[in-house]
């Protein structure tokens, strides 16, 4: 992420394959995905769902 930040990128767009229509299981999957991305990218990166 540091290399991207040095080039002016402040965050990344992420696909949101699960949402409310996916029920509680889908929301849990989305939480897990966001937690993994947050761990990989750090707290400073903006995560922008598409």
C-alpha atoms as a PDB file:
ATOM      1  CA  UNK A   1       0.000   0.000   0.000  1.00  0.00           C
ATOM      2  CA  UNK A   2       2.912   2.358   0.639  1.00  0.00           C
ATOM      3  CA  UNK A   3       3.914   2.243  -3.037  1.00  0.00           C
ATOM      4  CA  UNK A   4       0.336   3.114  -4.039  1.00  0.00           C
ATOM      5  CA  UNK A   5       0.131   5.900  -1.460  1.00  0.00           C
ATOM      6  CA  UNK A   6       3.382   7.368  -2.787  1.00  0.00           C
ATOM      7  CA  UNK A   7       1.735   7.521  -6.229  1.00  0.00           C
ATOM      8  CA  UNK A   8      -1.295   9.388  -4.876  1.00  0.00           C
ATOM      9  CA  UNK A   9      -3.770   6.558  -4.251  1.00  0.00           C
ATOM     10  CA  UNK A  10      -5.644   6.945  -0.971  1.00  0.00           C
ATOM     11  CA  UNK A  11      -7.695   3.754  -1.046  1.00  0.00           C
ATOM     12  CA  UNK A  12      -9.110   0.937  -3.117  1.00  0.00           C
ATOM     13  CA  UNK A  13     -12.511   0.036  -4.517  1.00  0.00           C
ATOM     14  CA  UNK A  14     -13.705  -3.383  -3.467  1.00  0.00           C
ATOM     15  CA  UNK A  15     -16.444  -5.571  -4.839  1.00  0.00           C
ATOM     16  CA  UNK A  16     -19.323  -6.130  -2.451  1.00  0.00           C
ATOM     17  CA  UNK A  17     -20.500  -9.607  -3.486  1.00  0.00           C
ATOM     18  CA  UNK A  18     -22.677  -9.995  -0.380  1.00  0.00           C
ATOM     19  CA  UNK A  19     -25.173  -7.562   1.060  1.00  0.00           C
ATOM     20  CA  UNK A  20     -28.475  -7.350   2.871  1.00  0.00           C
ATOM     21  CA  UNK A  21     -30.136  -9.514   0.217  1.00  0.00           C
ATOM     22  CA  UNK A  22     -27.674 -12.294   1.137  1.00  0.00           C
ATOM     23  CA  UNK A  23     -29.046 -12.428   4.658  1.00  0.00           C
ATOM     24  CA  UNK A  24     -27.088 -12.687   7.890  1.00  0.00           C
ATOM     25  CA  UNK A  25     -24.632 -15.154   6.328  1.00  0.00           C
ATOM     26  CA  UNK A  26     -23.819 -12.694   3.548  1.00  0.00           C
ATOM     27  CA  UNK A  27     -23.253  -9.864   6.006  1.00  0.00           C
ATOM     28  CA  UNK A  28     -20.887 -12.073   8.035  1.00  0.00           C
ATOM     29  CA  UNK A  29     -18.961 -12.951   4.846  1.00  0.00           C
ATOM     30  CA  UNK A  30     -18.673  -9.258   3.990  1.00  0.00           C
ATOM     31  CA  UNK A  31     -17.425  -8.471   7.510  1.00  0.00           C
ATOM     32  CA  UNK A  32     -14.779 -11.182   7.143  1.00  0.00           C
ATOM     33  CA  UNK A  33     -13.669  -9.823   3.748  1.00  0.00           C
ATOM     34  CA  UNK A  34     -13.387  -6.265   5.057  1.00  0.00           C
ATOM     35  CA  UNK A  35     -11.431  -7.434   8.125  1.00  0.00           C
ATOM     36  CA  UNK A  36      -8.968  -9.291   5.872  1.00  0.00           C
ATOM     37  CA  UNK A  37      -8.542  -6.271   3.585  1.00  0.00           C
ATOM     38  CA  UNK A  38      -8.101  -3.967   6.568  1.00  0.00           C
ATOM     39  CA  UNK A  39      -5.390  -6.289   7.891  1.00  0.00           C
ATOM     40  CA  UNK A  40      -3.674  -6.455   4.492  1.00  0.00           C
ATOM     41  CA  UNK A  41      -3.932  -2.754   3.623  1.00  0.00           C
ATOM     42  CA  UNK A  42      -3.731  -1.127   7.053  1.00  0.00           C
ATOM     43  CA  UNK A  43      -5.907   1.389   8.822  1.00  0.00           C
ATOM     44  CA  UNK A  44      -5.025   4.373   6.629  1.00  0.00           C
ATOM     45  CA  UNK A  45      -6.400   3.031   3.347  1.00  0.00           C
ATOM     46  CA  UNK A  46      -9.940   3.969   2.377  1.00  0.00           C
ATOM     47  CA  UNK A  47     -12.066   0.959   1.406  1.00  0.00           C
ATOM     48  CA  UNK A  48     -14.722   1.980  -1.112  1.00  0.00           C
ATOM     49  CA  UNK A  49     -17.426  -0.589  -1.862  1.00  0.00           C
ATOM     50  CA  UNK A  50     -18.675  -0.698  -5.459  1.00  0.00           C
END
